[in-house]
Amino acid sequence: MLTEVAKPIALLLCMLSLCAVFQTAFLVPASDLHQTILDSLELLLMAAGISLISGLIFRESAEEPSADSKRLMTTLPVQVFCWAATTMLLLFVCCWYLESHCIFYRDIRY
């Protein structure tokens, strides 16, 4: 019964940690790109730890002891982390490219 209470709490903590990574990577104005990357990587490592612990909770609460349910990658928190981290990485690379190679405004002073 305790694992049934812990599962939604663990999933919520996993999602909140991923929201913190997203906010640091995209919404916090930083003057230095390297500082943004370092801050985001620190929070990403913390989110990975929370996701792994949440995945262990989900794996232990599985009723059927099949071979597929014992894998950590098949748990919901780890899958959410993998999808979110991949998506944020692709968005960050796109933003980095667009910021350095494209100009989205037109200088009307001339």
C-alpha atoms as a PDB file:
ATOM      1  CA  MET A   1       0.000   0.000   0.000  1.00  0.00           C
ATOM      2  CA  LEU A   2       2.877   2.348   0.726  1.00  0.00           C
ATOM      3  CA  THR A   3       4.192   1.948  -2.812  1.00  0.00           C
ATOM      4  CA  GLU A   4       0.799   2.923  -4.236  1.00  0.00           C
ATOM      5  CA  VAL A   5       1.052   6.205  -2.332  1.00  0.00           C
ATOM      6  CA  ALA A   6       4.697   6.697  -3.286  1.00  0.00           C
ATOM      7  CA  LYS A   7       4.165   6.199  -7.029  1.00  0.00           C
ATOM      8  CA  PRO A   8       2.254   9.451  -7.757  1.00  0.00           C
ATOM      9  CA  ILE A   9       4.530  11.424  -5.445  1.00  0.00           C
ATOM     10  CA  ALA A  10       7.623  10.052  -7.174  1.00  0.00           C
ATOM     11  CA  LEU A  11       6.179  10.788 -10.613  1.00  0.00           C
ATOM     12  CA  LEU A  12       5.299  14.328  -9.541  1.00  0.00           C
ATOM     13  CA  LEU A  13       8.829  14.914  -8.242  1.00  0.00           C
ATOM     14  CA  CYS A  14      10.201  13.586 -11.516  1.00  0.00           C
ATOM     15  CA  MET A  15       8.080  15.996 -13.547  1.00  0.00           C
ATOM     16  CA  LEU A  16       8.898  18.948 -11.278  1.00  0.00           C
ATOM     17  CA  SER A  17      12.608  18.303 -11.635  1.00  0.00           C
ATOM     18  CA  LEU A  18      12.241  18.206 -15.420  1.00  0.00           C
ATOM     19  CA  CYS A  19      10.334  21.499 -15.294  1.00  0.00           C
ATOM     20  CA  ALA A  20      13.251  23.005 -13.364  1.00  0.00           C
ATOM     21  CA  VAL A  21      15.641  21.833 -16.091  1.00  0.00           C
ATOM     22  CA  PHE A  22      13.416  23.357 -18.773  1.00  0.00           C
ATOM     23  CA  GLN A  23      13.174  26.653 -16.909  1.00  0.00           C
ATOM     24  CA  THR A  24      16.927  26.871 -16.425  1.00  0.00           C
ATOM     25  CA  ALA A  25      17.711  25.951 -20.016  1.00  0.00           C
ATOM     26  CA  PHE A  26      15.173  28.188 -21.743  1.00  0.00           C
ATOM     27  CA  LEU A  27      13.485  30.738 -19.492  1.00  0.00           C
ATOM     28  CA  VAL A  28      16.226  32.130 -17.239  1.00  0.00           C
ATOM     29  CA  PRO A  29      18.039  34.960 -18.969  1.00  0.00           C
ATOM     30  CA  ALA A  30      21.767  34.341 -18.741  1.00  0.00           C
ATOM     31  CA  SER A  31      24.595  36.417 -20.044  1.00  0.00           C
ATOM     32  CA  ASP A  32      26.854  33.443 -20.695  1.00  0.00           C
ATOM     33  CA  LEU A  33      25.913  30.357 -22.696  1.00  0.00           C
ATOM     34  CA  HIS A  34      28.419  28.190 -20.852  1.00  0.00           C
ATOM     35  CA  GLN A  35      26.881  29.086 -17.494  1.00  0.00           C
ATOM     36  CA  THR A  36      23.439  28.164 -18.805  1.00  0.00           C
ATOM     37  CA  ILE A  37      24.754  24.817 -20.019  1.00  0.00           C
ATOM     38  CA  LEU A  38      26.451  24.070 -16.687  1.00  0.00           C
ATOM     39  CA  ASP A  39      23.371  25.004 -14.657  1.00  0.00           C
ATOM     40  CA  SER A  40      21.149  22.914 -16.921  1.00  0.00           C
ATOM     41  CA  LEU A  41      23.468  19.906 -16.728  1.00  0.00           C
ATOM     42  CA  GLU A  42      23.533  20.063 -12.923  1.00  0.00           C
ATOM     43  CA  LEU A  43      19.746  20.052 -12.787  1.00  0.00           C
ATOM     44  CA  LEU A  44      19.580  17.353 -15.462  1.00  0.00           C
ATOM     45  CA  LEU A  45      21.788  15.081 -13.340  1.00  0.00           C
ATOM     46  CA  MET A  46      19.535  15.721 -10.343  1.00  0.00           C
ATOM     47  CA  ALA A  47      16.465  14.959 -12.460  1.00  0.00           C
ATOM     48  CA  ALA A  48      18.113  11.745 -13.689  1.00  0.00           C
ATOM     49  CA  GLY A  49      18.670  10.618 -10.106  1.00  0.00           C
ATOM     50  CA  ILE A  50      15.089  11.392  -9.142  1.00  0.00           C
ATOM     51  CA  SER A  51      13.838   9.548 -12.227  1.00  0.00           C
ATOM     52  CA  LEU A  52      15.925   6.479 -11.445  1.00  0.00           C
ATOM     53  CA  ILE A  53      14.684   6.366  -7.855  1.00  0.00           C
ATOM     54  CA  SER A  54      11.125   6.818  -9.108  1.00  0.00           C
ATOM     55  CA  GLY A  55      11.687   4.057 -11.636  1.00  0.00           C
ATOM     56  CA  LEU A  56      12.848   1.742  -8.859  1.00  0.00           C
ATOM     57  CA  ILE A  57       9.655   2.493  -6.935  1.00  0.00           C
ATOM     58  CA  PHE A  58       7.547   1.769 -10.016  1.00  0.00           C
ATOM     59  CA  ARG A  59       9.472  -1.424 -10.757  1.00  0.00           C
ATOM     60  CA  GLU A  60       9.063  -2.788  -7.229  1.00  0.00           C
ATOM     61  CA  SER A  61       5.313  -2.220  -7.269  1.00  0.00           C
ATOM     62  CA  ALA A  62       4.757  -4.275 -10.442  1.00  0.00           C
ATOM     63  CA  GLU A  63       2.435  -7.199  -9.720  1.00  0.00           C
ATOM     64  CA  GLU A  64       3.537  -9.634 -12.400  1.00  0.00           C
ATOM     65  CA  PRO A  65       7.177 -10.694 -12.218  1.00  0.00           C
ATOM     66  CA  SER A  66       7.716 -10.957 -15.959  1.00  0.00           C
ATOM     67  CA  ALA A  67      11.046 -10.210 -17.566  1.00  0.00           C
ATOM     68  CA  ASP A  68       9.722  -7.044 -19.206  1.00  0.00           C
ATOM     69  CA  SER A  69       8.385  -5.551 -15.979  1.00  0.00           C
ATOM     70  CA  LYS A  70      11.750  -5.934 -14.241  1.00  0.00           C
ATOM     71  CA  ARG A  71      13.584  -3.661 -16.664  1.00  0.00           C
ATOM     72  CA  LEU A  72      14.106  -0.134 -15.378  1.00  0.00           C
ATOM     73  CA  MET A  73      13.765   1.462 -18.818  1.00  0.00           C
ATOM     74  CA  THR A  74      10.152   0.296 -19.116  1.00  0.00           C
ATOM     75  CA  THR A  75       8.988   2.266 -16.071  1.00  0.00           C
ATOM     76  CA  LEU A  76       7.044   5.474 -16.621  1.00  0.00           C
ATOM     77  CA  PRO A  77       9.371   7.941 -14.817  1.00  0.00           C
ATOM     78  CA  VAL A  78      12.450   6.770 -16.728  1.00  0.00           C
ATOM     79  CA  GLN A  79      10.603   6.925 -20.041  1.00  0.00           C
ATOM     80  CA  VAL A  80       9.323  10.427 -19.236  1.00  0.00           C
ATOM     81  CA  PHE A  81      12.873  11.492 -18.369  1.00  0.00           C
ATOM     82  CA  CYS A  82      14.325  10.062 -21.575  1.00  0.00           C
ATOM     83  CA  TRP A  83      11.690  11.692 -23.782  1.00  0.00           C
ATOM     84  CA  ALA A  84      11.910  15.042 -22.002  1.00  0.00           C
ATOM     85  CA  ALA A  85      15.714  15.128 -21.966  1.00  0.00           C
ATOM     86  CA  THR A  86      15.900  14.254 -25.670  1.00  0.00           C
ATOM     87  CA  THR A  87      13.304  16.864 -26.566  1.00  0.00           C
ATOM     88  CA  MET A  88      15.016  19.555 -24.500  1.00  0.00           C
ATOM     89  CA  LEU A  89      18.384  18.695 -26.040  1.00  0.00           C
ATOM     90  CA  LEU A  90      16.981  19.044 -29.566  1.00  0.00           C
ATOM     91  CA  LEU A  91      15.252  22.327 -28.684  1.00  0.00           C
ATOM     92  CA  PHE A  92      18.417  23.677 -27.061  1.00  0.00           C
ATOM     93  CA  VAL A  93      20.529  22.847 -30.128  1.00  0.00           C
ATOM     94  CA  CYS A  94      17.927  24.482 -32.393  1.00  0.00           C
ATOM     95  CA  CYS A  95      17.810  27.601 -30.216  1.00  0.00           C
ATOM     96  CA  TRP A  96      21.585  27.774 -30.095  1.00  0.00           C
ATOM     97  CA  TYR A  97      21.807  27.525 -33.893  1.00  0.00           C
ATOM     98  CA  LEU A  98      19.070  30.071 -34.509  1.00  0.00           C
ATOM     99  CA  GLU A  99      20.542  32.513 -32.016  1.00  0.00           C
ATOM    100  CA  SER A 100      23.964  32.435 -33.614  1.00  0.00           C
ATOM    101  CA  HIS A 101      23.088  32.130 -37.313  1.00  0.00           C
ATOM    102  CA  CYS A 102      19.737  33.822 -37.889  1.00  0.00           C
ATOM    103  CA  ILE A 103      18.542  37.366 -37.449  1.00  0.00           C
ATOM    104  CA  PHE A 104      14.849  37.684 -36.657  1.00  0.00           C
ATOM    105  CA  TYR A 105      14.543  41.438 -36.719  1.00  0.00           C
ATOM    106  CA  ARG A 106      14.993  44.034 -39.373  1.00  0.00           C
ATOM    107  CA  ASP A 107      16.957  47.116 -38.591  1.00  0.00           C
ATOM    108  CA  ILE A 108      14.725  50.002 -39.648  1.00  0.00           C
ATOM    109  CA  ARG A 109      17.119  52.793 -38.707  1.00  0.00           C
ATOM    110  CA  TYR A 110      18.622  52.963 -42.212  1.00  0.00           C
END
